[in-house]
């Protein structure tokens, strides 16, 4: 699980583009309902396409699969 707490649309986009976040968390005391909706729309609509970030996630996956 790669979770990100996003308080802005920009952070939501970056959490997907750069970190491949697959879980979004929202703080009710940080966002209004309208802001939260905008963050969710930005997060859902952002794919992870940048090859360098995909390579970085592949490296993390390989580390996670190593036996201790």
PDB file of N, CA and C in Angstrom:
ATOM      1  N   UNK A   1       0.848  -1.174   0.000  1.00  0.00           N
ATOM      2  CA  UNK A   1       0.000   0.000   0.000  1.00  0.00           C
ATOM      3  C   UNK A   1       0.889   1.232   0.000  1.00  0.00           C
ATOM      4  N   UNK A   2       0.563   2.136  -0.896  1.00  0.00           N
ATOM      5  CA  UNK A   2       1.252   3.422  -0.950  1.00  0.00           C
ATOM      6  C   UNK A   2       0.184   4.494  -0.743  1.00  0.00           C
ATOM      7  N   UNK A   3       0.087   4.968   0.471  1.00  0.00           N
ATOM      8  CA  UNK A   3      -0.964   5.925   0.828  1.00  0.00           C
ATOM      9  C   UNK A   3      -0.398   7.335   0.869  1.00  0.00           C
ATOM     10  N   UNK A   4      -1.264   8.286   0.542  1.00  0.00           N
ATOM     11  CA  UNK A   4      -0.884   9.699   0.598  1.00  0.00           C
ATOM     12  C   UNK A   4      -2.040  10.499   1.171  1.00  0.00           C
ATOM     13  N   UNK A   5      -1.685  11.440   2.032  1.00  0.00           N
ATOM     14  CA  UNK A   5      -2.682  12.385   2.513  1.00  0.00           C
ATOM     15  C   UNK A   5      -2.542  13.642   1.668  1.00  0.00           C
ATOM     16  N   UNK A   6      -3.601  13.966   0.964  1.00  0.00           N
ATOM     17  CA  UNK A   6      -3.562  15.127   0.074  1.00  0.00           C
ATOM     18  C   UNK A   6      -4.487  16.216   0.604  1.00  0.00           C
ATOM     19  N   UNK A   7      -3.941  17.408   0.701  1.00  0.00           N
ATOM     20  CA  UNK A   7      -4.736  18.559   1.147  1.00  0.00           C
ATOM     21  C   UNK A   7      -4.985  19.543   0.018  1.00  0.00           C
ATOM     22  N   UNK A   8      -4.352  19.289  -1.128  1.00  0.00           N
ATOM     23  CA  UNK A   8      -4.569  20.123  -2.313  1.00  0.00           C
ATOM     24  C   UNK A   8      -4.620  19.236  -3.547  1.00  0.00           C
ATOM     25  N   UNK A   9      -5.137  19.781  -4.622  1.00  0.00           N
ATOM     26  CA  UNK A   9      -5.167  19.040  -5.887  1.00  0.00           C
ATOM     27  C   UNK A   9      -3.754  18.753  -6.382  1.00  0.00           C
ATOM     28  N   UNK A  10      -2.844  19.680  -6.174  1.00  0.00           N
ATOM     29  CA  UNK A  10      -1.461  19.487  -6.613  1.00  0.00           C
ATOM     30  C   UNK A  10      -0.825  18.313  -5.888  1.00  0.00           C
ATOM     31  N   UNK A  11      -0.987  18.254  -4.583  1.00  0.00           N
ATOM     32  CA  UNK A  11      -0.428  17.129  -3.820  1.00  0.00           C
ATOM     33  C   UNK A  11      -1.071  15.827  -4.271  1.00  0.00           C
ATOM     34  N   UNK A  12      -2.360  15.846  -4.550  1.00  0.00           N
ATOM     35  CA  UNK A  12      -3.043  14.642  -5.028  1.00  0.00           C
ATOM     36  C   UNK A  12      -2.437  14.172  -6.342  1.00  0.00           C
ATOM     37  N   UNK A  13      -2.243  15.092  -7.278  1.00  0.00           N
ATOM     38  CA  UNK A  13      -1.644  14.723  -8.573  1.00  0.00           C
ATOM     39  C   UNK A  13      -0.230  14.182  -8.393  1.00  0.00           C
ATOM     40  N   UNK A  14       0.564  14.873  -7.606  1.00  0.00           N
ATOM     41  CA  UNK A  14       1.950  14.431  -7.403  1.00  0.00           C
ATOM     42  C   UNK A  14       2.024  13.077  -6.708  1.00  0.00           C
ATOM     43  N   UNK A  15       1.111  12.832  -5.781  1.00  0.00           N
ATOM     44  CA  UNK A  15       1.148  11.541  -5.081  1.00  0.00           C
ATOM     45  C   UNK A  15       0.914  10.385  -6.047  1.00  0.00           C
ATOM     46  N   UNK A  16       0.147  10.627  -7.095  1.00  0.00           N
ATOM     47  CA  UNK A  16      -0.072   9.600  -8.118  1.00  0.00           C
ATOM     48  C   UNK A  16       1.066   9.581  -9.129  1.00  0.00           C
ATOM     49  N   UNK A  17       1.404  10.750  -9.677  1.00  0.00           N
ATOM     50  CA  UNK A  17       2.418  10.824 -10.730  1.00  0.00           C
ATOM     51  C   UNK A  17       3.791  10.385 -10.243  1.00  0.00           C
ATOM     52  N   UNK A  18       4.196  10.849  -9.080  1.00  0.00           N
ATOM     53  CA  UNK A  18       5.563  10.636  -8.606  1.00  0.00           C
ATOM     54  C   UNK A  18       5.711   9.409  -7.727  1.00  0.00           C
ATOM     55  N   UNK A  19       4.682   9.086  -6.955  1.00  0.00           N
ATOM     56  CA  UNK A  19       4.814   8.016  -5.968  1.00  0.00           C
ATOM     57  C   UNK A  19       3.903   6.829  -6.214  1.00  0.00           C
ATOM     58  N   UNK A  20       3.047   6.914  -7.198  1.00  0.00           N
ATOM     59  CA  UNK A  20       2.156   5.793  -7.499  1.00  0.00           C
ATOM     60  C   UNK A  20       1.228   5.452  -6.350  1.00  0.00           C
ATOM     61  N   UNK A  21       0.789   6.458  -5.615  1.00  0.00           N
ATOM     62  CA  UNK A  21      -0.095   6.208  -4.471  1.00  0.00           C
ATOM     63  C   UNK A  21      -1.339   5.460  -4.946  1.00  0.00           C
ATOM     64  N   UNK A  22      -1.729   4.446  -4.168  1.00  0.00           N
ATOM     65  CA  UNK A  22      -2.940   3.702  -4.509  1.00  0.00           C
ATOM     66  C   UNK A  22      -3.997   3.822  -3.415  1.00  0.00           C
ATOM     67  N   UNK A  23      -3.716   4.645  -2.420  1.00  0.00           N
ATOM     68  CA  UNK A  23      -4.687   4.955  -1.364  1.00  0.00           C
ATOM     69  C   UNK A  23      -4.601   6.453  -1.101  1.00  0.00           C
ATOM     70  N   UNK A  24      -5.755   7.089  -1.052  1.00  0.00           N
ATOM     71  CA  UNK A  24      -5.825   8.521  -0.767  1.00  0.00           C
ATOM     72  C   UNK A  24      -6.485   8.718   0.582  1.00  0.00           C
ATOM     73  N   UNK A  25      -5.869   9.547   1.421  1.00  0.00           N
ATOM     74  CA  UNK A  25      -6.486   9.899   2.697  1.00  0.00           C
ATOM     75  C   UNK A  25      -6.761  11.398   2.702  1.00  0.00           C
ATOM     76  N   UNK A  26      -7.841  11.762   3.373  1.00  0.00           N
ATOM     77  CA  UNK A  26      -8.251  13.155   3.458  1.00  0.00           C
ATOM     78  C   UNK A  26      -8.497  13.503   4.919  1.00  0.00           C
ATOM     79  N   UNK A  27      -8.045  14.650   5.340  1.00  0.00           N
ATOM     80  CA  UNK A  27      -8.282  15.098   6.708  1.00  0.00           C
ATOM     81  C   UNK A  27      -9.491  16.016   6.757  1.00  0.00           C
ATOM     82  N   UNK A  28     -10.501  15.619   7.497  1.00  0.00           N
ATOM     83  CA  UNK A  28     -11.736  16.413   7.529  1.00  0.00           C
ATOM     84  C   UNK A  28     -11.531  17.798   8.143  1.00  0.00           C
ATOM     85  N   UNK A  29     -10.523  17.946   8.976  1.00  0.00           N
ATOM     86  CA  UNK A  29     -10.294  19.258   9.569  1.00  0.00           C
ATOM     87  C   UNK A  29      -9.438  20.157   8.666  1.00  0.00           C
ATOM     88  N   UNK A  30      -8.920  19.600   7.563  1.00  0.00           N
ATOM     89  CA  UNK A  30      -8.083  20.373   6.646  1.00  0.00           C
ATOM     90  C   UNK A  30      -8.808  20.804   5.384  1.00  0.00           C
ATOM     91  N   UNK A  31      -9.932  20.144   5.055  1.00  0.00           N
ATOM     92  CA  UNK A  31     -10.607  20.375   3.782  1.00  0.00           C
ATOM     93  C   UNK A  31     -12.102  20.560   3.959  1.00  0.00           C
ATOM     94  N   UNK A  32     -12.659  21.443   3.163  1.00  0.00           N
ATOM     95  CA  UNK A  32     -14.120  21.525   3.092  1.00  0.00           C
ATOM     96  C   UNK A  32     -14.600  20.389   2.187  1.00  0.00           C
ATOM     97  N   UNK A  33     -15.885  20.172   2.134  1.00  0.00           N
ATOM     98  CA  UNK A  33     -16.436  19.115   1.284  1.00  0.00           C
ATOM     99  C   UNK A  33     -16.108  19.381  -0.187  1.00  0.00           C
ATOM    100  N   UNK A  34     -16.218  20.620  -0.620  1.00  0.00           N
ATOM    101  CA  UNK A  34     -15.912  20.959  -2.014  1.00  0.00           C
ATOM    102  C   UNK A  34     -14.431  20.756  -2.330  1.00  0.00           C
ATOM    103  N   UNK A  35     -13.566  21.153  -1.412  1.00  0.00           N
ATOM    104  CA  UNK A  35     -12.125  20.942  -1.616  1.00  0.00           C
ATOM    105  C   UNK A  35     -11.805  19.450  -1.672  1.00  0.00           C
ATOM    106  N   UNK A  36     -12.411  18.677  -0.797  1.00  0.00           N
ATOM    107  CA  UNK A  36     -12.183  17.228  -0.784  1.00  0.00           C
ATOM    108  C   UNK A  36     -12.607  16.610  -2.103  1.00  0.00           C
ATOM    109  N   UNK A  37     -13.752  17.013  -2.625  1.00  0.00           N
ATOM    110  CA  UNK A  37     -14.206  16.494  -3.923  1.00  0.00           C
ATOM    111  C   UNK A  37     -13.197  16.817  -5.018  1.00  0.00           C
ATOM    112  N   UNK A  38     -12.692  18.032  -5.032  1.00  0.00           N
ATOM    113  CA  UNK A  38     -11.714  18.442  -6.045  1.00  0.00           C
ATOM    114  C   UNK A  38     -10.428  17.625  -5.926  1.00  0.00           C
ATOM    115  N   UNK A  39      -9.998  17.362  -4.714  1.00  0.00           N
ATOM    116  CA  UNK A  39      -8.802  16.553  -4.490  1.00  0.00           C
ATOM    117  C   UNK A  39      -9.026  15.129  -5.000  1.00  0.00           C
ATOM    118  N   UNK A  40     -10.172  14.558  -4.694  1.00  0.00           N
ATOM    119  CA  UNK A  40     -10.471  13.191  -5.139  1.00  0.00           C
ATOM    120  C   UNK A  40     -10.523  13.118  -6.663  1.00  0.00           C
ATOM    121  N   UNK A  41     -11.162  14.083  -7.296  1.00  0.00           N
ATOM    122  CA  UNK A  41     -11.242  14.094  -8.760  1.00  0.00           C
ATOM    123  C   UNK A  41      -9.846  14.189  -9.371  1.00  0.00           C
ATOM    124  N   UNK A  42      -9.005  15.045  -8.827  1.00  0.00           N
ATOM    125  CA  UNK A  42      -7.633  15.181  -9.325  1.00  0.00           C
ATOM    126  C   UNK A  42      -6.857  13.890  -9.133  1.00  0.00           C
ATOM    127  N   UNK A  43      -7.019  13.266  -7.989  1.00  0.00           N
ATOM    128  CA  UNK A  43      -6.279  12.034  -7.675  1.00  0.00           C
ATOM    129  C   UNK A  43      -6.710  10.894  -8.587  1.00  0.00           C
ATOM    130  N   UNK A  44      -8.006  10.706  -8.727  1.00  0.00           N
ATOM    131  CA  UNK A  44      -8.514   9.616  -9.570  1.00  0.00           C
ATOM    132  C   UNK A  44      -8.129   9.835 -11.031  1.00  0.00           C
ATOM    133  N   UNK A  45      -8.124  11.065 -11.469  1.00  0.00           N
ATOM    134  CA  UNK A  45      -7.858  11.361 -12.868  1.00  0.00           C
ATOM    135  C   UNK A  45      -6.393  11.436 -13.255  1.00  0.00           C
ATOM    136  N   UNK A  46      -5.500  11.164 -12.329  1.00  0.00           N
ATOM    137  CA  UNK A  46      -4.067  11.293 -12.608  1.00  0.00           C
ATOM    138  C   UNK A  46      -3.418   9.919 -12.734  1.00  0.00           C
ATOM    139  N   UNK A  47      -2.937   9.593 -13.927  1.00  0.00           N
ATOM    140  CA  UNK A  47      -2.225   8.320 -14.099  1.00  0.00           C
ATOM    141  C   UNK A  47      -0.746   8.471 -13.755  1.00  0.00           C
ATOM    142  N   UNK A  48      -0.101   7.352 -13.572  1.00  0.00           N
ATOM    143  CA  UNK A  48       1.349   7.348 -13.371  1.00  0.00           C
ATOM    144  C   UNK A  48       1.969   6.938 -14.694  1.00  0.00           C
ATOM    145  N   UNK A  49       2.543   7.895 -15.412  1.00  0.00           N
ATOM    146  CA  UNK A  49       3.071   7.621 -16.754  1.00  0.00           C
ATOM    147  C   UNK A  49       4.564   7.861 -16.895  1.00  0.00           C
ATOM    148  N   UNK A  50       5.133   8.653 -16.015  1.00  0.00           N
ATOM    149  CA  UNK A  50       6.538   9.062 -16.156  1.00  0.00           C
ATOM    150  C   UNK A  50       7.457   7.851 -15.948  1.00  0.00           C
ATOM    151  N   UNK A  51       8.238   7.477 -16.962  1.00  0.00           N
ATOM    152  CA  UNK A  51       9.096   6.281 -16.857  1.00  0.00           C
ATOM    153  C   UNK A  51      10.040   6.277 -15.654  1.00  0.00           C
ATOM    154  N   UNK A  52      10.610   7.427 -15.298  1.00  0.00           N
ATOM    155  CA  UNK A  52      11.563   7.433 -14.178  1.00  0.00           C
ATOM    156  C   UNK A  52      10.880   7.096 -12.853  1.00  0.00           C
ATOM    157  N   UNK A  53       9.622   7.511 -12.687  1.00  0.00           N
ATOM    158  CA  UNK A  53       8.912   7.197 -11.457  1.00  0.00           C
ATOM    159  C   UNK A  53       8.473   5.732 -11.453  1.00  0.00           C
ATOM    160  N   UNK A  54       8.128   5.221 -12.606  1.00  0.00           N
ATOM    161  CA  UNK A  54       7.763   3.805 -12.712  1.00  0.00           C
ATOM    162  C   UNK A  54       8.976   2.933 -12.393  1.00  0.00           C
ATOM    163  N   UNK A  55      10.145   3.312 -12.889  1.00  0.00           N
ATOM    164  CA  UNK A  55      11.379   2.570 -12.565  1.00  0.00           C
ATOM    165  C   UNK A  55      11.656   2.590 -11.065  1.00  0.00           C
ATOM    166  N   UNK A  56      11.435   3.742 -10.437  1.00  0.00           N
ATOM    167  CA  UNK A  56      11.673   3.849  -8.994  1.00  0.00           C
ATOM    168  C   UNK A  56      10.758   2.910  -8.217  1.00  0.00           C
ATOM    169  N   UNK A  57       9.498   2.833  -8.619  1.00  0.00           N
ATOM    170  CA  UNK A  57       8.579   1.905  -7.954  1.00  0.00           C
ATOM    171  C   UNK A  57       8.983   0.456  -8.176  1.00  0.00           C
ATOM    172  N   UNK A  58       9.500   0.153  -9.361  1.00  0.00           N
ATOM    173  CA  UNK A  58       9.969  -1.212  -9.636  1.00  0.00           C
ATOM    174  C   UNK A  58      11.143  -1.561  -8.716  1.00  0.00           C
ATOM    175  N   UNK A  59      12.024  -0.610  -8.462  1.00  0.00           N
ATOM    176  CA  UNK A  59      13.135  -0.836  -7.535  1.00  0.00           C
ATOM    177  C   UNK A  59      12.616  -1.115  -6.130  1.00  0.00           C
ATOM    178  N   UNK A  60      11.630  -0.345  -5.697  1.00  0.00           N
ATOM    179  CA  UNK A  60      11.046  -0.581  -4.373  1.00  0.00           C
ATOM    180  C   UNK A  60      10.395  -1.959  -4.299  1.00  0.00           C
ATOM    181  N   UNK A  61       9.674  -2.324  -5.344  1.00  0.00           N
ATOM    182  CA  UNK A  61       9.039  -3.642  -5.386  1.00  0.00           C
ATOM    183  C   UNK A  61      10.092  -4.743  -5.264  1.00  0.00           C
ATOM    184  N   UNK A  62      11.207  -4.591  -5.989  1.00  0.00           N
ATOM    185  CA  UNK A  62      12.271  -5.590  -5.920  1.00  0.00           C
ATOM    186  C   UNK A  62      12.850  -5.691  -4.512  1.00  0.00           C
ATOM    187  N   UNK A  63      13.023  -4.561  -3.843  1.00  0.00           N
ATOM    188  CA  UNK A  63      13.513  -4.578  -2.459  1.00  0.00           C
ATOM    189  C   UNK A  63      12.519  -5.268  -1.521  1.00  0.00           C
ATOM    190  N   UNK A  64      11.251  -5.011  -1.729  1.00  0.00           N
ATOM    191  CA  UNK A  64      10.223  -5.624  -0.877  1.00  0.00           C
ATOM    192  C   UNK A  64      10.175  -7.149  -1.055  1.00  0.00           C
ATOM    193  N   UNK A  65      10.527  -7.619  -2.226  1.00  0.00           N
ATOM    194  CA  UNK A  65      10.460  -9.058  -2.508  1.00  0.00           C
ATOM    195  C   UNK A  65      11.688  -9.818  -2.024  1.00  0.00           C
ATOM    196  N   UNK A  66      12.733  -9.100  -1.662  1.00  0.00           N
ATOM    197  CA  UNK A  66      13.962  -9.766  -1.175  1.00  0.00           C
ATOM    198  C   UNK A  66      13.667 -10.471   0.134  1.00  0.00           C
ATOM    199  N   UNK A  67      14.306 -11.601   0.292  1.00  0.00           N
ATOM    200  CA  UNK A  67      14.175 -12.324   1.554  1.00  0.00           C
ATOM    201  C   UNK A  67      15.109 -11.704   2.584  1.00  0.00           C
ATOM    202  N   UNK A  68      14.670 -11.666   3.839  1.00  0.00           N
ATOM    203  CA  UNK A  68      15.521 -11.062   4.884  1.00  0.00           C
ATOM    204  C   UNK A  68      16.768 -11.861   5.144  1.00  0.00           C
TER     205      UNK A  68
END
